[in-house]
């Protein structure tokens, strides 16, 4: 994921590839527009975000820039179908759609403000997630996040839980310990040493341990995701609300029976409650969310879809 290297490669591809050849880049976050700028054919450039591991995950985000041509888009969508992927067309923005909306999930806020990892994970898994966010970080690797902060000179293990874990060499499953400790079969269990580390960060920051209901934890985790989903629709990064749901269900294993964050918000929570709770969390609500509440739009209503399409 090196932008300058990608630009150099695409400049060379532009010189040798025949006219009309699709120039596609597999990327999880690089700016497709900047890659397209390195060519004289931005209409032929598109991003293909394969979710890892690509041989297991069925999801593919095709990322269009404002100059990506219709034929290029059609080719990329057909390509995804031929591979047997669930393929969604999204716009070019930081994180695209799946990573962008899930990236604002409130897990870091919760463990920074007095909620222990096992409590967060228990609520997420009761909601239907296959794995809670703390277990997920242990699987992915805490060091991946913290090393980027270290390179940027931002590492602060006294005040940030993830940085404290990294400094203590608690990288997750790869090191046998992270938010939890793991045996040789990668079975997890609570670890007093990890919790003591978290509690020391709380003490430094003047935070007290708190008890939250399952509903409160879920609100903190997933209502920010819903709000960001509305922003993606508002900005034209997602074409329809169900596209946001497809991204989360197939990209992040959001429980299918809930339909995805947007379906959950519209049908289970109700948008009036969503808006009130988003504001109570101190978040700035999407203008589209406020409009949908004001006009009492349903997810599949003609007026709502006419507004976002």
C-alpha atoms as a PDB file:
ATOM      1  CA  UNK A   1       0.000   0.000   0.000  1.00  0.00           C
ATOM      2  CA  UNK A   2       2.530   2.523  -1.233  1.00  0.00           C
ATOM      3  CA  UNK A   3       0.924   5.369  -3.162  1.00  0.00           C
ATOM      4  CA  UNK A   4       4.080   6.616  -4.888  1.00  0.00           C
ATOM      5  CA  UNK A   5       4.954   3.109  -6.032  1.00  0.00           C
ATOM      6  CA  UNK A   6       1.404   2.558  -7.321  1.00  0.00           C
ATOM      7  CA  UNK A   7       1.512   5.851  -9.233  1.00  0.00           C
ATOM      8  CA  UNK A   8       4.814   4.886 -10.840  1.00  0.00           C
ATOM      9  CA  UNK A   9       3.437   1.483 -11.861  1.00  0.00           C
ATOM     10  CA  UNK A  10       0.286   2.998 -13.322  1.00  0.00           C
ATOM     11  CA  UNK A  11       2.306   5.549 -15.296  1.00  0.00           C
ATOM     12  CA  UNK A  12       4.215   2.662 -16.853  1.00  0.00           C
ATOM     13  CA  UNK A  13       1.027   0.665 -17.479  1.00  0.00           C
ATOM     14  CA  UNK A  14      -0.456   3.689 -19.221  1.00  0.00           C
ATOM     15  CA  UNK A  15       2.488   3.695 -21.610  1.00  0.00           C
ATOM     16  CA  UNK A  16       2.319   0.015 -22.582  1.00  0.00           C
ATOM     17  CA  UNK A  17      -1.329  -1.077 -22.269  1.00  0.00           C
ATOM     18  CA  UNK A  18      -3.672  -0.858 -25.235  1.00  0.00           C
ATOM     19  CA  UNK A  19      -6.385   1.838 -25.329  1.00  0.00           C
ATOM     20  CA  UNK A  20      -9.451   0.791 -23.340  1.00  0.00           C
ATOM     21  CA  UNK A  21      -7.543  -1.641 -21.126  1.00  0.00           C
ATOM     22  CA  UNK A  22      -8.893  -1.477 -17.577  1.00  0.00           C
ATOM     23  CA  UNK A  23      -6.227  -0.405 -15.082  1.00  0.00           C
ATOM     24  CA  UNK A  24      -7.351  -1.756 -11.710  1.00  0.00           C
ATOM     25  CA  UNK A  25      -5.594  -1.551  -8.363  1.00  0.00           C
ATOM     26  CA  UNK A  26      -6.232  -3.776  -5.367  1.00  0.00           C
ATOM     27  CA  UNK A  27      -6.163  -1.385  -2.428  1.00  0.00           C
ATOM     28  CA  UNK A  28      -7.849  -1.016   0.929  1.00  0.00           C
ATOM     29  CA  UNK A  29      -7.341   2.715   1.321  1.00  0.00           C
ATOM     30  CA  UNK A  30      -5.149   4.362  -1.352  1.00  0.00           C
ATOM     31  CA  UNK A  31      -6.679   7.331  -3.186  1.00  0.00           C
ATOM     32  CA  UNK A  32      -7.883   6.049  -6.565  1.00  0.00           C
ATOM     33  CA  UNK A  33      -8.055   9.596  -7.956  1.00  0.00           C
ATOM     34  CA  UNK A  34      -4.355  10.147  -7.305  1.00  0.00           C
ATOM     35  CA  UNK A  35      -3.539   6.855  -9.006  1.00  0.00           C
ATOM     36  CA  UNK A  36      -5.718   7.890 -11.979  1.00  0.00           C
ATOM     37  CA  UNK A  37      -3.864  11.234 -12.127  1.00  0.00           C
ATOM     38  CA  UNK A  38      -0.668   9.292 -12.883  1.00  0.00           C
ATOM     39  CA  UNK A  39      -2.200   8.193 -16.209  1.00  0.00           C
ATOM     40  CA  UNK A  40      -3.608   9.863 -19.309  1.00  0.00           C
ATOM     41  CA  UNK A  41      -6.688   7.658 -19.121  1.00  0.00           C
ATOM     42  CA  UNK A  42      -8.459   8.258 -15.781  1.00  0.00           C
ATOM     43  CA  UNK A  43     -11.653   6.840 -17.297  1.00  0.00           C
ATOM     44  CA  UNK A  44      -9.975   3.407 -17.346  1.00  0.00           C
ATOM     45  CA  UNK A  45      -8.821   3.421 -13.706  1.00  0.00           C
ATOM     46  CA  UNK A  46     -10.762   1.723 -10.909  1.00  0.00           C
ATOM     47  CA  UNK A  47     -10.020   0.317  -7.465  1.00  0.00           C
ATOM     48  CA  UNK A  48     -10.748  -3.290  -6.503  1.00  0.00           C
ATOM     49  CA  UNK A  49     -10.734  -3.745  -2.728  1.00  0.00           C
ATOM     50  CA  UNK A  50     -10.508  -7.473  -2.005  1.00  0.00           C
ATOM     51  CA  UNK A  51     -11.198  -8.272   1.631  1.00  0.00           C
ATOM     52  CA  UNK A  52      -8.568 -10.360   3.360  1.00  0.00           C
ATOM     53  CA  UNK A  53      -8.049 -13.263   3.203  1.00  0.00           C
ATOM     54  CA  UNK A  54      -9.209 -12.935  -0.400  1.00  0.00           C
ATOM     55  CA  UNK A  55      -9.550 -16.689  -0.911  1.00  0.00           C
ATOM     56  CA  UNK A  56     -12.026 -16.847   1.987  1.00  0.00           C
ATOM     57  CA  UNK A  57     -13.871 -13.525   2.046  1.00  0.00           C
ATOM     58  CA  UNK A  58     -16.578 -13.318  -0.608  1.00  0.00           C
ATOM     59  CA  UNK A  59     -16.734  -9.531  -0.653  1.00  0.00           C
ATOM     60  CA  UNK A  60     -15.264  -7.096  -3.189  1.00  0.00           C
ATOM     61  CA  UNK A  61     -15.614  -3.312  -3.195  1.00  0.00           C
ATOM     62  CA  UNK A  62     -15.122  -1.754  -6.621  1.00  0.00           C
ATOM     63  CA  UNK A  63     -14.065   1.845  -6.096  1.00  0.00           C
ATOM     64  CA  UNK A  64     -15.024   4.403  -8.725  1.00  0.00           C
ATOM     65  CA  UNK A  65     -13.519   7.842  -9.042  1.00  0.00           C
ATOM     66  CA  UNK A  66     -15.455  10.774 -10.507  1.00  0.00           C
ATOM     67  CA  UNK A  67     -13.785  10.173 -13.894  1.00  0.00           C
ATOM     68  CA  UNK A  68     -14.111   6.374 -13.993  1.00  0.00           C
ATOM     69  CA  UNK A  69     -15.952   5.421 -17.176  1.00  0.00           C
ATOM     70  CA  UNK A  70     -19.164   3.402 -17.356  1.00  0.00           C
ATOM     71  CA  UNK A  71     -17.485   0.660 -19.387  1.00  0.00           C
ATOM     72  CA  UNK A  72     -14.699   0.355 -16.823  1.00  0.00           C
ATOM     73  CA  UNK A  73     -17.254   0.076 -14.015  1.00  0.00           C
ATOM     74  CA  UNK A  74     -19.243  -2.534 -15.925  1.00  0.00           C
ATOM     75  CA  UNK A  75     -16.109  -4.574 -16.606  1.00  0.00           C
ATOM     76  CA  UNK A  76     -15.022  -4.481 -12.952  1.00  0.00           C
ATOM     77  CA  UNK A  77     -18.471  -5.517 -11.732  1.00  0.00           C
ATOM     78  CA  UNK A  78     -18.558  -8.409 -14.206  1.00  0.00           C
ATOM     79  CA  UNK A  79     -15.050  -9.392 -13.105  1.00  0.00           C
ATOM     80  CA  UNK A  80     -16.212  -9.624  -9.489  1.00  0.00           C
ATOM     81  CA  UNK A  81     -19.185 -11.746 -10.509  1.00  0.00           C
ATOM     82  CA  UNK A  82     -16.958 -14.134 -12.492  1.00  0.00           C
ATOM     83  CA  UNK A  83     -14.808 -14.578  -9.380  1.00  0.00           C
ATOM     84  CA  UNK A  84     -17.895 -15.492  -7.364  1.00  0.00           C
ATOM     85  CA  UNK A  85     -17.639 -12.381  -5.210  1.00  0.00           C
ATOM     86  CA  UNK A  86     -20.435 -10.336  -3.722  1.00  0.00           C
ATOM     87  CA  UNK A  87     -19.463  -7.088  -5.425  1.00  0.00           C
ATOM     88  CA  UNK A  88     -20.504  -3.573  -4.443  1.00  0.00           C
ATOM     89  CA  UNK A  89     -19.757  -0.309  -6.254  1.00  0.00           C
ATOM     90  CA  UNK A  90     -18.623   2.467  -3.924  1.00  0.00           C
ATOM     91  CA  UNK A  91     -17.121   5.934  -4.176  1.00  0.00           C
ATOM     92  CA  UNK A  92     -13.561   7.018  -3.540  1.00  0.00           C
ATOM     93  CA  UNK A  93     -13.131   8.369  -0.015  1.00  0.00           C
ATOM     94  CA  UNK A  94     -10.939   7.461   2.980  1.00  0.00           C
ATOM     95  CA  UNK A  95     -11.818   3.886   3.929  1.00  0.00           C
ATOM     96  CA  UNK A  96     -14.224   3.597   0.979  1.00  0.00           C
ATOM     97  CA  UNK A  97     -17.509   2.363   2.545  1.00  0.00           C
ATOM     98  CA  UNK A  98     -16.970  -0.831   4.577  1.00  0.00           C
ATOM     99  CA  UNK A  99     -13.804   0.278   6.379  1.00  0.00           C
ATOM    100  CA  UNK A 100     -15.061   3.827   6.702  1.00  0.00           C
ATOM    101  CA  UNK A 101     -18.315   2.990   8.471  1.00  0.00           C
ATOM    102  CA  UNK A 102     -16.879   0.226  10.640  1.00  0.00           C
ATOM    103  CA  UNK A 103     -13.861   2.367  11.426  1.00  0.00           C
ATOM    104  CA  UNK A 104     -15.986   4.696  13.550  1.00  0.00           C
ATOM    105  CA  UNK A 105     -17.346   1.854  15.700  1.00  0.00           C
ATOM    106  CA  UNK A 106     -17.090   2.863  19.337  1.00  0.00           C
ATOM    107  CA  UNK A 107     -14.935   0.063  20.758  1.00  0.00           C
ATOM    108  CA  UNK A 108     -11.903   2.280  21.438  1.00  0.00           C
ATOM    109  CA  UNK A 109     -14.116   4.858  23.111  1.00  0.00           C
ATOM    110  CA  UNK A 110     -15.617   2.181  25.362  1.00  0.00           C
ATOM    111  CA  UNK A 111     -12.369   0.624  26.564  1.00  0.00           C
ATOM    112  CA  UNK A 112     -10.866   4.084  27.025  1.00  0.00           C
ATOM    113  CA  UNK A 113     -13.769   5.220  29.204  1.00  0.00           C
ATOM    114  CA  UNK A 114     -14.029   2.421  31.728  1.00  0.00           C
ATOM    115  CA  UNK A 115     -15.505  -0.685  30.074  1.00  0.00           C
ATOM    116  CA  UNK A 116     -13.461  -3.886  30.086  1.00  0.00           C
ATOM    117  CA  UNK A 117     -12.843  -5.874  26.884  1.00  0.00           C
ATOM    118  CA  UNK A 118     -14.829  -8.959  27.897  1.00  0.00           C
ATOM    119  CA  UNK A 119     -17.897  -6.793  28.589  1.00  0.00           C
ATOM    120  CA  UNK A 120     -17.647  -5.118  25.177  1.00  0.00           C
ATOM    121  CA  UNK A 121     -17.174  -8.438  23.389  1.00  0.00           C
ATOM    122  CA  UNK A 122     -19.993 -10.147  25.287  1.00  0.00           C
ATOM    123  CA  UNK A 123     -22.452  -7.456  24.187  1.00  0.00           C
ATOM    124  CA  UNK A 124     -21.251  -7.545  20.552  1.00  0.00           C
ATOM    125  CA  UNK A 125     -21.468 -11.317  20.384  1.00  0.00           C
ATOM    126  CA  UNK A 126     -24.913 -11.352  22.026  1.00  0.00           C
ATOM    127  CA  UNK A 127     -25.977  -8.884  19.327  1.00  0.00           C
ATOM    128  CA  UNK A 128     -24.913 -11.465  16.754  1.00  0.00           C
ATOM    129  CA  UNK A 129     -21.328 -10.642  15.824  1.00  0.00           C
ATOM    130  CA  UNK A 130     -19.188 -13.741  15.399  1.00  0.00           C
ATOM    131  CA  UNK A 131     -16.383 -12.071  17.296  1.00  0.00           C
ATOM    132  CA  UNK A 132     -16.328  -8.977  19.504  1.00  0.00           C
ATOM    133  CA  UNK A 133     -14.067  -6.038  18.599  1.00  0.00           C
ATOM    134  CA  UNK A 134     -11.397  -6.794  21.197  1.00  0.00           C
ATOM    135  CA  UNK A 135     -11.106 -10.403  20.089  1.00  0.00           C
ATOM    136  CA  UNK A 136     -10.998  -9.120  16.512  1.00  0.00           C
ATOM    137  CA  UNK A 137      -8.085  -6.820  17.320  1.00  0.00           C
ATOM    138  CA  UNK A 138      -6.269  -9.765  18.886  1.00  0.00           C
ATOM    139  CA  UNK A 139      -6.842 -11.744  15.698  1.00  0.00           C
ATOM    140  CA  UNK A 140      -5.736  -8.968  13.331  1.00  0.00           C
ATOM    141  CA  UNK A 141      -2.807  -7.873  15.468  1.00  0.00           C
ATOM    142  CA  UNK A 142      -2.650  -4.931  17.864  1.00  0.00           C
ATOM    143  CA  UNK A 143       0.875  -4.213  16.647  1.00  0.00           C
ATOM    144  CA  UNK A 144      -0.343  -3.300  13.147  1.00  0.00           C
ATOM    145  CA  UNK A 145      -2.225  -0.279  14.496  1.00  0.00           C
ATOM    146  CA  UNK A 146       0.349   0.707  17.099  1.00  0.00           C
ATOM    147  CA  UNK A 147       3.341   0.518  14.748  1.00  0.00           C
ATOM    148  CA  UNK A 148       1.716   3.090  12.481  1.00  0.00           C
ATOM    149  CA  UNK A 149       1.263   5.376  15.479  1.00  0.00           C
ATOM    150  CA  UNK A 150       4.877   4.755  16.470  1.00  0.00           C
ATOM    151  CA  UNK A 151       6.117   5.676  12.977  1.00  0.00           C
ATOM    152  CA  UNK A 152       4.070   8.851  13.126  1.00  0.00           C
ATOM    153  CA  UNK A 153       5.512   9.757  16.529  1.00  0.00           C
ATOM    154  CA  UNK A 154       2.097   9.452  18.197  1.00  0.00           C
ATOM    155  CA  UNK A 155       2.685   6.452  20.482  1.00  0.00           C
ATOM    156  CA  UNK A 156       1.608   7.232  24.060  1.00  0.00           C
ATOM    157  CA  UNK A 157       1.364   4.056  26.179  1.00  0.00           C
ATOM    158  CA  UNK A 158       0.598   6.061  29.317  1.00  0.00           C
ATOM    159  CA  UNK A 159      -2.680   7.375  27.916  1.00  0.00           C
ATOM    160  CA  UNK A 160      -3.822   5.009  25.142  1.00  0.00           C
ATOM    161  CA  UNK A 161      -4.830   1.414  25.750  1.00  0.00           C
ATOM    162  CA  UNK A 162      -3.689   0.052  22.371  1.00  0.00           C
ATOM    163  CA  UNK A 163      -0.290   1.731  22.764  1.00  0.00           C
ATOM    164  CA  UNK A 164       0.072   0.267  26.266  1.00  0.00           C
ATOM    165  CA  UNK A 165      -0.691  -3.199  24.896  1.00  0.00           C
ATOM    166  CA  UNK A 166       1.904  -2.728  22.167  1.00  0.00           C
ATOM    167  CA  UNK A 167       4.605  -1.543  24.569  1.00  0.00           C
ATOM    168  CA  UNK A 168       3.921  -4.613  26.740  1.00  0.00           C
ATOM    169  CA  UNK A 169       4.344  -6.792  23.618  1.00  0.00           C
ATOM    170  CA  UNK A 170       0.734  -7.888  23.832  1.00  0.00           C
ATOM    171  CA  UNK A 171       0.149  -8.143  20.085  1.00  0.00           C
ATOM    172  CA  UNK A 172      -2.782 -10.557  20.174  1.00  0.00           C
ATOM    173  CA  UNK A 173      -2.978 -14.185  19.079  1.00  0.00           C
ATOM    174  CA  UNK A 174       0.413 -14.023  17.334  1.00  0.00           C
ATOM    175  CA  UNK A 175       2.148 -13.418  20.676  1.00  0.00           C
ATOM    176  CA  UNK A 176      -0.254 -15.500  22.773  1.00  0.00           C
ATOM    177  CA  UNK A 177      -1.580 -12.464  24.592  1.00  0.00           C
ATOM    178  CA  UNK A 178      -3.391  -9.236  23.825  1.00  0.00           C
ATOM    179  CA  UNK A 179      -6.671  -8.122  25.321  1.00  0.00           C
ATOM    180  CA  UNK A 180      -6.944 -11.796  26.299  1.00  0.00           C
ATOM    181  CA  UNK A 181      -4.506 -14.632  26.779  1.00  0.00           C
ATOM    182  CA  UNK A 182      -4.503 -17.607  24.388  1.00  0.00           C
ATOM    183  CA  UNK A 183      -3.608 -21.281  24.690  1.00  0.00           C
ATOM    184  CA  UNK A 184      -1.982 -23.428  21.993  1.00  0.00           C
ATOM    185  CA  UNK A 185      -5.387 -23.908  20.324  1.00  0.00           C
ATOM    186  CA  UNK A 186      -6.001 -20.149  20.323  1.00  0.00           C
ATOM    187  CA  UNK A 187      -8.776 -20.383  22.881  1.00  0.00           C
ATOM    188  CA  UNK A 188      -9.086 -17.111  24.748  1.00  0.00           C
ATOM    189  CA  UNK A 189      -9.665 -16.264  28.359  1.00  0.00           C
ATOM    190  CA  UNK A 190      -9.626 -13.121  30.480  1.00  0.00           C
ATOM    191  CA  UNK A 191      -6.181 -12.042  31.601  1.00  0.00           C
ATOM    192  CA  UNK A 192      -5.738 -10.126  34.875  1.00  0.00           C
ATOM    193  CA  UNK A 193      -2.454  -8.697  33.570  1.00  0.00           C
ATOM    194  CA  UNK A 194      -4.168  -7.181  30.521  1.00  0.00           C
ATOM    195  CA  UNK A 195      -6.955  -5.748  32.621  1.00  0.00           C
ATOM    196  CA  UNK A 196      -4.449  -4.291  35.092  1.00  0.00           C
ATOM    197  CA  UNK A 197      -2.685  -2.603  32.168  1.00  0.00           C
ATOM    198  CA  UNK A 198      -5.980  -1.090  30.984  1.00  0.00           C
ATOM    199  CA  UNK A 199      -6.865   0.028  34.507  1.00  0.00           C
ATOM    200  CA  UNK A 200      -3.485   1.770  34.815  1.00  0.00           C
ATOM    201  CA  UNK A 201      -4.258   3.777  31.657  1.00  0.00           C
ATOM    202  CA  UNK A 202      -7.656   4.656  33.148  1.00  0.00           C
ATOM    203  CA  UNK A 203      -5.950   5.833  36.346  1.00  0.00           C
ATOM    204  CA  UNK A 204      -3.554   8.038  34.377  1.00  0.00           C
ATOM    205  CA  UNK A 205      -6.492   9.583  32.513  1.00  0.00           C
ATOM    206  CA  UNK A 206      -8.690   9.961  35.594  1.00  0.00           C
ATOM    207  CA  UNK A 207     -11.191   7.370  34.355  1.00  0.00           C
ATOM    208  CA  UNK A 208     -13.245   5.166  36.651  1.00  0.00           C
ATOM    209  CA  UNK A 209     -14.462   1.685  35.754  1.00  0.00           C
ATOM    210  CA  UNK A 210     -18.098   1.807  34.702  1.00  0.00           C
ATOM    211  CA  UNK A 211     -20.913  -0.651  34.265  1.00  0.00           C
ATOM    212  CA  UNK A 212     -22.961  -0.337  31.101  1.00  0.00           C
ATOM    213  CA  UNK A 213     -25.977  -2.293  29.963  1.00  0.00           C
ATOM    214  CA  UNK A 214     -25.770  -4.447  26.855  1.00  0.00           C
ATOM    215  CA  UNK A 215     -27.991  -1.955  25.026  1.00  0.00           C
ATOM    216  CA  UNK A 216     -25.741   0.964  25.980  1.00  0.00           C
ATOM    217  CA  UNK A 217     -22.668  -0.888  24.737  1.00  0.00           C
ATOM    218  CA  UNK A 218     -24.389  -1.734  21.445  1.00  0.00           C
ATOM    219  CA  UNK A 219     -25.463   1.895  21.020  1.00  0.00           C
ATOM    220  CA  UNK A 220     -21.872   3.045  21.531  1.00  0.00           C
ATOM    221  CA  UNK A 221     -20.512   0.399  19.179  1.00  0.00           C
ATOM    222  CA  UNK A 222     -22.904   0.574  16.261  1.00  0.00           C
ATOM    223  CA  UNK A 223     -24.907   3.802  16.181  1.00  0.00           C
ATOM    224  CA  UNK A 224     -21.772   5.675  15.010  1.00  0.00           C
ATOM    225  CA  UNK A 225     -21.652   3.118  12.160  1.00  0.00           C
ATOM    226  CA  UNK A 226     -25.250   3.930  11.219  1.00  0.00           C
ATOM    227  CA  UNK A 227     -24.563   7.670  11.287  1.00  0.00           C
ATOM    228  CA  UNK A 228     -21.501   7.222   9.069  1.00  0.00           C
ATOM    229  CA  UNK A 229     -23.583   5.088   6.713  1.00  0.00           C
ATOM    230  CA  UNK A 230     -25.986   7.990   6.284  1.00  0.00           C
ATOM    231  CA  UNK A 231     -23.024  10.270   5.579  1.00  0.00           C
ATOM    232  CA  UNK A 232     -21.823   7.879   2.858  1.00  0.00           C
ATOM    233  CA  UNK A 233     -25.264   8.093   1.253  1.00  0.00           C
ATOM    234  CA  UNK A 234     -25.344  11.855   1.679  1.00  0.00           C
ATOM    235  CA  UNK A 235     -21.985  12.216  -0.106  1.00  0.00           C
ATOM    236  CA  UNK A 236     -22.806   9.715  -2.855  1.00  0.00           C
ATOM    237  CA  UNK A 237     -20.135   7.262  -1.703  1.00  0.00           C
ATOM    238  CA  UNK A 238     -22.795   4.548  -1.397  1.00  0.00           C
ATOM    239  CA  UNK A 239     -25.591   4.354  -3.945  1.00  0.00           C
ATOM    240  CA  UNK A 240     -28.309   2.965  -1.687  1.00  0.00           C
ATOM    241  CA  UNK A 241     -28.753   2.106   1.995  1.00  0.00           C
ATOM    242  CA  UNK A 242     -28.727  -1.607   1.243  1.00  0.00           C
ATOM    243  CA  UNK A 243     -25.234  -1.205  -0.262  1.00  0.00           C
ATOM    244  CA  UNK A 244     -23.942  -0.084   3.138  1.00  0.00           C
ATOM    245  CA  UNK A 245     -25.561  -3.190   4.618  1.00  0.00           C
ATOM    246  CA  UNK A 246     -23.985  -5.459   1.991  1.00  0.00           C
ATOM    247  CA  UNK A 247     -20.572  -3.963   2.785  1.00  0.00           C
ATOM    248  CA  UNK A 248     -20.963  -4.692   6.498  1.00  0.00           C
ATOM    249  CA  UNK A 249     -22.592  -8.119   6.206  1.00  0.00           C
ATOM    250  CA  UNK A 250     -20.084  -9.511   3.710  1.00  0.00           C
ATOM    251  CA  UNK A 251     -17.053  -7.399   4.623  1.00  0.00           C
ATOM    252  CA  UNK A 252     -17.339  -7.504   8.418  1.00  0.00           C
ATOM    253  CA  UNK A 253     -19.674 -10.444   9.126  1.00  0.00           C
ATOM    254  CA  UNK A 254     -22.423  -8.231  10.499  1.00  0.00           C
ATOM    255  CA  UNK A 255     -25.154 -10.706  11.563  1.00  0.00           C
ATOM    256  CA  UNK A 256     -27.250 -11.416   8.493  1.00  0.00           C
ATOM    257  CA  UNK A 257     -30.479 -11.824  10.400  1.00  0.00           C
ATOM    258  CA  UNK A 258     -30.255  -8.158  11.414  1.00  0.00           C
ATOM    259  CA  UNK A 259     -29.823  -7.147   7.775  1.00  0.00           C
ATOM    260  CA  UNK A 260     -26.913  -4.753   8.342  1.00  0.00           C
ATOM    261  CA  UNK A 261     -26.581  -1.450  10.226  1.00  0.00           C
ATOM    262  CA  UNK A 262     -28.993   0.515   8.038  1.00  0.00           C
ATOM    263  CA  UNK A 263     -31.720  -2.138   8.112  1.00  0.00           C
ATOM    264  CA  UNK A 264     -31.255  -2.453  11.864  1.00  0.00           C
ATOM    265  CA  UNK A 265     -31.549   1.320  12.307  1.00  0.00           C
ATOM    266  CA  UNK A 266     -34.646   1.685  10.147  1.00  0.00           C
ATOM    267  CA  UNK A 267     -36.587  -1.364  11.339  1.00  0.00           C
ATOM    268  CA  UNK A 268     -35.377  -2.410  14.811  1.00  0.00           C
ATOM    269  CA  UNK A 269     -34.295   0.814  16.489  1.00  0.00           C
ATOM    270  CA  UNK A 270     -36.299   3.419  14.554  1.00  0.00           C
ATOM    271  CA  UNK A 271     -34.710   6.537  13.099  1.00  0.00           C
ATOM    272  CA  UNK A 272     -36.149   8.913  15.710  1.00  0.00           C
ATOM    273  CA  UNK A 273     -34.427   6.915  18.456  1.00  0.00           C
ATOM    274  CA  UNK A 274     -31.277   6.615  16.352  1.00  0.00           C
ATOM    275  CA  UNK A 275     -31.077  10.382  15.959  1.00  0.00           C
ATOM    276  CA  UNK A 276     -31.710  11.032  19.654  1.00  0.00           C
ATOM    277  CA  UNK A 277     -29.115   8.481  20.708  1.00  0.00           C
ATOM    278  CA  UNK A 278     -26.524   9.705  18.190  1.00  0.00           C
ATOM    279  CA  UNK A 279     -26.897  13.216  19.603  1.00  0.00           C
ATOM    280  CA  UNK A 280     -26.709  11.854  23.168  1.00  0.00           C
ATOM    281  CA  UNK A 281     -23.402  10.193  22.268  1.00  0.00           C
ATOM    282  CA  UNK A 282     -22.056  13.623  21.347  1.00  0.00           C
ATOM    283  CA  UNK A 283     -21.843  12.872  17.625  1.00  0.00           C
ATOM    284  CA  UNK A 284     -22.821  15.268  14.873  1.00  0.00           C
ATOM    285  CA  UNK A 285     -25.737  13.583  13.115  1.00  0.00           C
ATOM    286  CA  UNK A 286     -25.763  13.225   9.363  1.00  0.00           C
ATOM    287  CA  UNK A 287     -27.921  15.822   7.642  1.00  0.00           C
ATOM    288  CA  UNK A 288     -29.551  12.979   5.701  1.00  0.00           C
ATOM    289  CA  UNK A 289     -30.410  11.157   8.936  1.00  0.00           C
ATOM    290  CA  UNK A 290     -32.107  14.300  10.250  1.00  0.00           C
ATOM    291  CA  UNK A 291     -33.970  14.733   6.976  1.00  0.00           C
ATOM    292  CA  UNK A 292     -35.104  11.102   7.014  1.00  0.00           C
ATOM    293  CA  UNK A 293     -36.484  11.555  10.537  1.00  0.00           C
ATOM    294  CA  UNK A 294     -38.201  14.824   9.650  1.00  0.00           C
ATOM    295  CA  UNK A 295     -39.850  13.340   6.557  1.00  0.00           C
ATOM    296  CA  UNK A 296     -40.538   9.958   8.184  1.00  0.00           C
ATOM    297  CA  UNK A 297     -38.850   8.060   5.364  1.00  0.00           C
ATOM    298  CA  UNK A 298     -38.675   4.277   5.352  1.00  0.00           C
ATOM    299  CA  UNK A 299     -35.605   2.477   4.054  1.00  0.00           C
ATOM    300  CA  UNK A 300     -37.273   1.317   0.857  1.00  0.00           C
ATOM    301  CA  UNK A 301     -39.567   4.275   0.328  1.00  0.00           C
ATOM    302  CA  UNK A 302     -39.563   5.897  -3.106  1.00  0.00           C
ATOM    303  CA  UNK A 303     -38.899   9.351  -1.659  1.00  0.00           C
ATOM    304  CA  UNK A 304     -35.861   8.210   0.320  1.00  0.00           C
ATOM    305  CA  UNK A 305     -34.342   6.322  -2.595  1.00  0.00           C
ATOM    306  CA  UNK A 306     -35.063   9.231  -4.948  1.00  0.00           C
ATOM    307  CA  UNK A 307     -33.167  11.456  -2.506  1.00  0.00           C
ATOM    308  CA  UNK A 308     -30.041   9.293  -2.392  1.00  0.00           C
ATOM    309  CA  UNK A 309     -29.889   7.846  -5.917  1.00  0.00           C
END
